[in-house]
């Protein structure tokens, strides 16, 4: 976009039934700061200067993974590279994540955040 200038922010928005709680989960998991909170919205800053925005979603239905016909499909998910897969999974679970029963790859773990969004922890490879 021609109207964008260096230093302008960008971010992904994630719907949630409780935006501040979900923002705190990701802030704690990733050790990224919670930079803004107001009714219906909470924002986590990233090291690169972008943001994860968590927005109120009334009537929120968590996605089903793997996808099933007639159920809410995941529209997007977050991936995070990690150096120790077992340790990262244990940390995420201690913060409130749930390990998905279906794991399609040996070097990736699919988990659900406290609002039911799937996210992946991906083992660092050479």
N, C-alpha and C. Protein backbone atom coordinates (compact mmCIF):
# COMPACT_ATOMS: atom_id res chain seq x y z
N UNK A 1 0.83 -1.18 0.00
CA UNK A 1 0.00 0.00 0.00
C UNK A 1 0.87 1.24 0.00
N UNK A 2 0.60 2.13 -0.89
CA UNK A 2 1.41 3.34 -1.00
C UNK A 2 1.28 4.23 0.23
N UNK A 3 0.15 4.16 0.95
CA UNK A 3 -0.03 5.05 2.09
C UNK A 3 0.73 4.58 3.34
N UNK A 4 1.25 3.34 3.30
CA UNK A 4 2.02 2.86 4.46
C UNK A 4 3.40 3.47 4.45
N UNK A 5 3.88 3.84 5.61
CA UNK A 5 5.19 4.44 5.76
C UNK A 5 6.02 3.59 6.73
N UNK A 6 7.35 3.64 6.64
CA UNK A 6 8.18 2.87 7.56
C UNK A 6 7.79 3.14 9.02
N UNK A 7 7.75 2.07 9.80
CA UNK A 7 7.43 2.19 11.22
C UNK A 7 5.96 2.05 11.55
N UNK A 8 5.08 2.03 10.52
CA UNK A 8 3.65 1.84 10.80
C UNK A 8 3.43 0.41 11.27
N UNK A 9 2.52 0.23 12.24
CA UNK A 9 2.30 -1.08 12.82
C UNK A 9 1.36 -1.93 11.94
N UNK A 10 1.39 -3.20 12.19
CA UNK A 10 0.45 -4.15 11.60
C UNK A 10 0.22 -5.24 12.62
N UNK A 11 -0.84 -6.02 12.42
CA UNK A 11 -1.10 -7.11 13.33
C UNK A 11 -2.23 -7.99 12.86
N UNK A 12 -2.32 -9.14 13.48
CA UNK A 12 -3.41 -10.08 13.23
C UNK A 12 -4.42 -9.95 14.36
N UNK A 13 -5.71 -10.03 14.03
CA UNK A 13 -6.76 -9.96 15.04
C UNK A 13 -7.35 -11.35 15.24
N UNK A 14 -7.55 -11.70 16.51
CA UNK A 14 -8.06 -13.02 16.89
C UNK A 14 -9.34 -12.80 17.69
N UNK A 15 -10.42 -13.45 17.29
CA UNK A 15 -11.67 -13.34 18.03
C UNK A 15 -11.60 -14.22 19.27
N UNK A 16 -12.22 -13.73 20.35
CA UNK A 16 -12.17 -14.46 21.62
C UNK A 16 -13.38 -14.12 22.48
N UNK A 17 -13.83 -15.08 23.30
CA UNK A 17 -14.92 -14.77 24.22
C UNK A 17 -14.47 -13.90 25.38
N UNK A 18 -13.17 -13.93 25.72
CA UNK A 18 -12.59 -13.13 26.80
C UNK A 18 -11.23 -12.61 26.32
N UNK A 19 -11.22 -11.50 25.55
CA UNK A 19 -9.96 -11.01 24.97
C UNK A 19 -8.83 -10.79 25.98
N UNK A 20 -9.06 -10.16 27.15
CA UNK A 20 -7.93 -9.96 28.07
C UNK A 20 -7.33 -11.28 28.56
N UNK A 21 -8.16 -12.27 28.84
CA UNK A 21 -7.64 -13.55 29.31
C UNK A 21 -6.81 -14.24 28.23
N UNK A 22 -7.28 -14.22 26.99
CA UNK A 22 -6.54 -14.86 25.91
C UNK A 22 -5.25 -14.09 25.62
N UNK A 23 -5.29 -12.78 25.69
CA UNK A 23 -4.08 -11.97 25.49
C UNK A 23 -3.05 -12.29 26.58
N UNK A 24 -3.49 -12.44 27.83
CA UNK A 24 -2.56 -12.79 28.91
C UNK A 24 -1.94 -14.17 28.69
N UNK A 25 -2.75 -15.12 28.18
CA UNK A 25 -2.21 -16.45 27.87
C UNK A 25 -1.05 -16.34 26.90
N UNK A 26 -1.25 -15.65 25.76
CA UNK A 26 -0.19 -15.53 24.77
C UNK A 26 0.96 -14.66 25.27
N UNK A 27 0.67 -13.64 26.04
CA UNK A 27 1.72 -12.81 26.63
C UNK A 27 2.62 -13.65 27.54
N UNK A 28 2.01 -14.48 28.37
CA UNK A 28 2.78 -15.35 29.27
C UNK A 28 3.52 -16.43 28.50
N UNK A 29 2.85 -17.05 27.54
CA UNK A 29 3.46 -18.13 26.76
C UNK A 29 4.68 -17.65 25.98
N UNK A 30 4.56 -16.49 25.35
CA UNK A 30 5.61 -16.00 24.45
C UNK A 30 6.54 -14.99 25.11
N UNK A 31 6.20 -14.59 26.34
CA UNK A 31 6.96 -13.56 27.04
C UNK A 31 7.03 -12.27 26.22
N UNK A 32 5.88 -11.92 25.64
CA UNK A 32 5.70 -10.68 24.90
C UNK A 32 4.80 -9.79 25.75
N UNK A 33 4.98 -8.49 25.71
CA UNK A 33 4.22 -7.61 26.60
C UNK A 33 2.76 -7.41 26.18
N UNK A 34 1.91 -7.33 27.19
CA UNK A 34 0.53 -6.89 26.99
C UNK A 34 0.62 -5.37 26.92
N UNK A 35 0.35 -4.78 25.74
CA UNK A 35 0.61 -3.36 25.54
C UNK A 35 -0.63 -2.48 25.58
N UNK A 36 -1.81 -3.09 25.53
CA UNK A 36 -3.03 -2.28 25.55
C UNK A 36 -4.20 -3.16 25.95
N UNK A 37 -5.09 -2.58 26.75
CA UNK A 37 -6.31 -3.29 27.11
C UNK A 37 -7.43 -2.27 27.31
N UNK A 38 -8.57 -2.55 26.72
CA UNK A 38 -9.77 -1.75 26.90
C UNK A 38 -10.95 -2.71 26.77
N UNK A 39 -12.14 -2.30 27.14
CA UNK A 39 -13.28 -3.23 27.04
C UNK A 39 -13.41 -3.81 25.63
N UNK A 40 -13.38 -5.14 25.54
CA UNK A 40 -13.55 -5.82 24.27
C UNK A 40 -12.30 -6.01 23.45
N UNK A 41 -11.17 -5.47 23.89
CA UNK A 41 -9.93 -5.56 23.10
C UNK A 41 -8.72 -5.63 24.02
N UNK A 42 -7.76 -6.47 23.66
CA UNK A 42 -6.47 -6.51 24.33
C UNK A 42 -5.40 -6.76 23.26
N UNK A 43 -4.22 -6.18 23.45
CA UNK A 43 -3.18 -6.22 22.42
C UNK A 43 -1.87 -6.69 23.03
N UNK A 44 -1.23 -7.64 22.36
CA UNK A 44 0.10 -8.14 22.74
C UNK A 44 1.09 -7.64 21.70
N UNK A 45 2.18 -7.05 22.16
CA UNK A 45 3.23 -6.58 21.25
C UNK A 45 4.21 -7.71 20.94
N UNK A 46 4.79 -7.68 19.76
CA UNK A 46 5.78 -8.68 19.36
C UNK A 46 7.16 -8.03 19.27
N UNK A 47 8.22 -8.83 19.32
CA UNK A 47 9.57 -8.25 19.23
C UNK A 47 9.81 -7.47 17.93
N UNK A 48 9.12 -7.83 16.86
CA UNK A 48 9.32 -7.15 15.59
C UNK A 48 8.49 -5.90 15.40
N UNK A 49 7.70 -5.54 16.42
CA UNK A 49 6.92 -4.32 16.33
C UNK A 49 5.52 -4.51 15.77
N UNK A 50 5.12 -5.74 15.50
CA UNK A 50 3.75 -5.98 15.08
C UNK A 50 2.93 -6.35 16.32
N UNK A 51 1.68 -6.68 16.14
CA UNK A 51 0.80 -6.91 17.28
C UNK A 51 -0.11 -8.10 17.05
N UNK A 52 -0.51 -8.74 18.13
CA UNK A 52 -1.61 -9.69 18.14
C UNK A 52 -2.74 -9.00 18.87
N UNK A 53 -3.84 -8.78 18.18
CA UNK A 53 -4.99 -8.08 18.74
C UNK A 53 -6.07 -9.11 19.05
N UNK A 54 -6.58 -9.09 20.26
CA UNK A 54 -7.64 -10.01 20.67
C UNK A 54 -8.91 -9.19 20.84
N UNK A 55 -9.96 -9.58 20.09
CA UNK A 55 -11.19 -8.80 20.05
C UNK A 55 -12.38 -9.62 20.52
N UNK A 56 -13.30 -8.94 21.19
CA UNK A 56 -14.51 -9.57 21.70
C UNK A 56 -15.33 -10.18 20.58
N UNK A 57 -15.76 -11.41 20.77
CA UNK A 57 -16.64 -12.07 19.81
C UNK A 57 -17.82 -12.65 20.57
N UNK A 58 -18.94 -11.96 20.53
CA UNK A 58 -20.14 -12.48 21.16
C UNK A 58 -20.63 -13.69 20.36
N UNK A 59 -21.10 -14.71 21.05
CA UNK A 59 -21.55 -15.92 20.38
C UNK A 59 -20.41 -16.75 19.82
N UNK A 60 -19.20 -16.54 20.33
CA UNK A 60 -18.01 -17.24 19.84
C UNK A 60 -18.20 -18.76 19.89
N UNK A 61 -17.83 -19.42 18.81
CA UNK A 61 -17.82 -20.87 18.73
C UNK A 61 -16.39 -21.31 18.43
N UNK A 62 -15.75 -22.05 19.33
CA UNK A 62 -14.38 -22.47 19.04
C UNK A 62 -14.32 -23.36 17.80
N UNK A 63 -13.27 -23.24 17.01
CA UNK A 63 -13.15 -24.08 15.82
C UNK A 63 -12.88 -25.53 16.20
N UNK A 64 -13.22 -26.42 15.29
CA UNK A 64 -12.98 -27.84 15.47
C UNK A 64 -11.77 -28.22 14.63
N UNK A 65 -10.83 -28.91 15.25
CA UNK A 65 -9.65 -29.39 14.52
C UNK A 65 -9.36 -30.81 14.93
N UNK A 66 -9.13 -31.71 13.96
CA UNK A 66 -9.19 -31.44 12.53
C UNK A 66 -10.61 -31.07 12.11
N UNK A 67 -10.72 -30.37 10.98
CA UNK A 67 -12.04 -29.91 10.53
C UNK A 67 -13.02 -31.07 10.36
N UNK A 68 -14.27 -30.79 10.69
CA UNK A 68 -15.35 -31.75 10.51
C UNK A 68 -16.47 -31.08 9.73
N UNK A 69 -17.14 -31.83 8.86
CA UNK A 69 -18.26 -31.24 8.10
C UNK A 69 -19.31 -30.66 9.04
N UNK A 70 -19.76 -29.46 8.73
CA UNK A 70 -20.81 -28.80 9.50
C UNK A 70 -20.35 -28.11 10.76
N UNK A 71 -19.09 -28.24 11.14
CA UNK A 71 -18.56 -27.60 12.35
C UNK A 71 -17.76 -26.36 11.97
N UNK A 72 -17.57 -25.47 12.94
CA UNK A 72 -16.76 -24.26 12.70
C UNK A 72 -15.33 -24.66 12.37
N UNK A 73 -14.88 -24.29 11.21
CA UNK A 73 -13.51 -24.60 10.77
C UNK A 73 -12.53 -23.56 11.32
N UNK A 74 -11.30 -23.96 11.59
CA UNK A 74 -10.28 -22.95 11.89
C UNK A 74 -10.03 -22.12 10.62
N UNK A 75 -10.08 -20.82 10.76
CA UNK A 75 -9.85 -19.95 9.60
C UNK A 75 -8.38 -19.56 9.49
N UNK A 76 -7.70 -19.56 10.60
CA UNK A 76 -6.28 -19.24 10.65
C UNK A 76 -5.75 -19.81 11.96
N UNK A 77 -4.45 -19.97 12.05
CA UNK A 77 -3.87 -20.38 13.32
C UNK A 77 -2.46 -19.81 13.42
N UNK A 78 -1.92 -19.79 14.61
CA UNK A 78 -0.58 -19.26 14.86
C UNK A 78 0.41 -20.40 14.96
N UNK A 79 1.61 -20.22 14.40
CA UNK A 79 2.71 -21.17 14.49
C UNK A 79 3.87 -20.50 15.21
N UNK A 80 4.54 -21.24 16.09
CA UNK A 80 5.69 -20.73 16.82
C UNK A 80 6.80 -21.77 16.77
N UNK A 81 7.98 -21.37 16.29
CA UNK A 81 9.13 -22.26 16.28
C UNK A 81 9.72 -22.33 17.69
N UNK A 82 10.10 -23.53 18.12
CA UNK A 82 10.67 -23.74 19.45
C UNK A 82 11.92 -24.60 19.35
N UNK A 83 12.78 -24.51 20.38
CA UNK A 83 14.01 -25.30 20.40
C UNK A 83 13.85 -26.65 21.08
N UNK A 84 12.90 -26.78 21.98
CA UNK A 84 12.65 -28.02 22.71
C UNK A 84 11.14 -28.25 22.72
N UNK A 85 10.68 -29.18 21.90
CA UNK A 85 9.25 -29.38 21.71
C UNK A 85 8.55 -29.83 22.99
N UNK A 86 9.11 -30.81 23.67
CA UNK A 86 8.48 -31.32 24.89
C UNK A 86 8.38 -30.23 25.96
N UNK A 87 9.43 -29.45 26.13
CA UNK A 87 9.43 -28.38 27.12
C UNK A 87 8.41 -27.30 26.76
N UNK A 88 8.35 -26.93 25.48
CA UNK A 88 7.41 -25.90 25.04
C UNK A 88 5.96 -26.37 25.22
N UNK A 89 5.69 -27.62 24.93
CA UNK A 89 4.34 -28.17 25.12
C UNK A 89 3.98 -28.14 26.60
N UNK A 90 4.90 -28.57 27.46
CA UNK A 90 4.63 -28.58 28.91
C UNK A 90 4.36 -27.17 29.42
N UNK A 91 5.12 -26.20 28.94
CA UNK A 91 4.91 -24.81 29.35
C UNK A 91 3.54 -24.30 28.91
N UNK A 92 3.18 -24.59 27.67
CA UNK A 92 1.88 -24.14 27.16
C UNK A 92 0.73 -24.79 27.93
N UNK A 93 0.85 -26.06 28.23
CA UNK A 93 -0.19 -26.76 28.99
C UNK A 93 -0.30 -26.19 30.40
N UNK A 94 0.83 -25.87 31.02
CA UNK A 94 0.80 -25.28 32.37
C UNK A 94 0.09 -23.93 32.37
N UNK A 95 0.09 -23.24 31.23
CA UNK A 95 -0.57 -21.93 31.12
C UNK A 95 -2.04 -22.05 30.72
N UNK A 96 -2.50 -23.27 30.40
CA UNK A 96 -3.90 -23.45 30.07
C UNK A 96 -4.20 -24.01 28.69
N UNK A 97 -3.18 -24.32 27.91
CA UNK A 97 -3.40 -24.92 26.59
C UNK A 97 -3.75 -26.40 26.77
N UNK A 98 -4.33 -26.97 25.71
CA UNK A 98 -4.68 -28.39 25.69
C UNK A 98 -4.06 -29.00 24.44
N UNK A 99 -3.41 -30.15 24.59
CA UNK A 99 -2.81 -30.84 23.44
C UNK A 99 -3.93 -31.48 22.63
N UNK A 100 -3.91 -31.25 21.32
CA UNK A 100 -4.91 -31.85 20.43
C UNK A 100 -4.69 -33.35 20.35
N UNK A 101 -5.76 -34.13 20.27
CA UNK A 101 -5.59 -35.58 20.18
C UNK A 101 -4.97 -36.03 18.86
N UNK A 102 -5.16 -35.28 17.80
CA UNK A 102 -4.63 -35.64 16.49
C UNK A 102 -3.37 -34.84 16.22
N UNK A 103 -2.26 -35.52 16.03
CA UNK A 103 -0.96 -34.89 15.76
C UNK A 103 -0.44 -35.37 14.41
N UNK A 104 -0.52 -34.54 13.37
CA UNK A 104 -0.19 -35.00 12.03
C UNK A 104 1.29 -35.07 11.68
N UNK A 105 2.16 -34.44 12.49
CA UNK A 105 3.59 -34.42 12.15
C UNK A 105 4.42 -34.70 13.40
N UNK A 106 5.56 -35.36 13.22
CA UNK A 106 6.44 -35.71 14.34
C UNK A 106 7.10 -34.49 14.97
N UNK A 107 7.42 -33.47 14.17
CA UNK A 107 8.15 -32.30 14.67
C UNK A 107 7.24 -31.10 14.99
N UNK A 108 5.93 -31.33 15.01
CA UNK A 108 4.96 -30.27 15.29
C UNK A 108 3.96 -30.78 16.31
N UNK A 109 3.58 -29.92 17.25
CA UNK A 109 2.51 -30.26 18.19
C UNK A 109 1.39 -29.24 18.02
N UNK A 110 0.20 -29.75 17.78
CA UNK A 110 -0.99 -28.92 17.70
C UNK A 110 -1.59 -28.85 19.09
N UNK A 111 -1.88 -27.62 19.54
CA UNK A 111 -2.52 -27.40 20.83
C UNK A 111 -3.71 -26.48 20.62
N UNK A 112 -4.57 -26.40 21.64
CA UNK A 112 -5.68 -25.45 21.64
C UNK A 112 -5.42 -24.45 22.74
N UNK A 113 -5.56 -23.16 22.42
CA UNK A 113 -5.43 -22.14 23.46
C UNK A 113 -6.67 -22.16 24.35
N UNK A 114 -6.71 -21.38 25.41
CA UNK A 114 -7.87 -21.42 26.32
C UNK A 114 -9.21 -21.09 25.67
N UNK A 115 -9.21 -20.42 24.51
CA UNK A 115 -10.47 -20.13 23.82
C UNK A 115 -10.78 -21.18 22.76
N UNK A 116 -9.92 -22.18 22.60
CA UNK A 116 -10.16 -23.25 21.64
C UNK A 116 -9.53 -23.07 20.27
N UNK A 117 -8.77 -21.98 20.05
CA UNK A 117 -8.08 -21.80 18.77
C UNK A 117 -6.91 -22.77 18.70
N UNK A 118 -6.74 -23.47 17.58
CA UNK A 118 -5.55 -24.29 17.43
C UNK A 118 -4.33 -23.41 17.20
N UNK A 119 -3.19 -23.84 17.72
CA UNK A 119 -1.91 -23.22 17.39
C UNK A 119 -0.87 -24.32 17.38
N UNK A 120 0.25 -24.07 16.70
CA UNK A 120 1.26 -25.10 16.54
C UNK A 120 2.59 -24.66 17.14
N UNK A 121 3.24 -25.60 17.80
CA UNK A 121 4.62 -25.44 18.23
C UNK A 121 5.45 -26.32 17.30
N UNK A 122 6.41 -25.71 16.63
CA UNK A 122 7.18 -26.37 15.59
C UNK A 122 8.63 -26.49 16.02
N UNK A 123 9.15 -27.69 16.03
CA UNK A 123 10.53 -27.92 16.47
C UNK A 123 11.50 -27.29 15.49
N UNK A 124 12.46 -26.55 16.03
CA UNK A 124 13.52 -25.94 15.22
C UNK A 124 14.29 -27.06 14.52
N UNK A 125 14.55 -26.89 13.24
CA UNK A 125 15.34 -27.86 12.49
C UNK A 125 16.51 -27.16 11.83
N UNK A 126 17.54 -27.92 11.54
CA UNK A 126 18.74 -27.34 10.91
C UNK A 126 18.47 -26.88 9.52
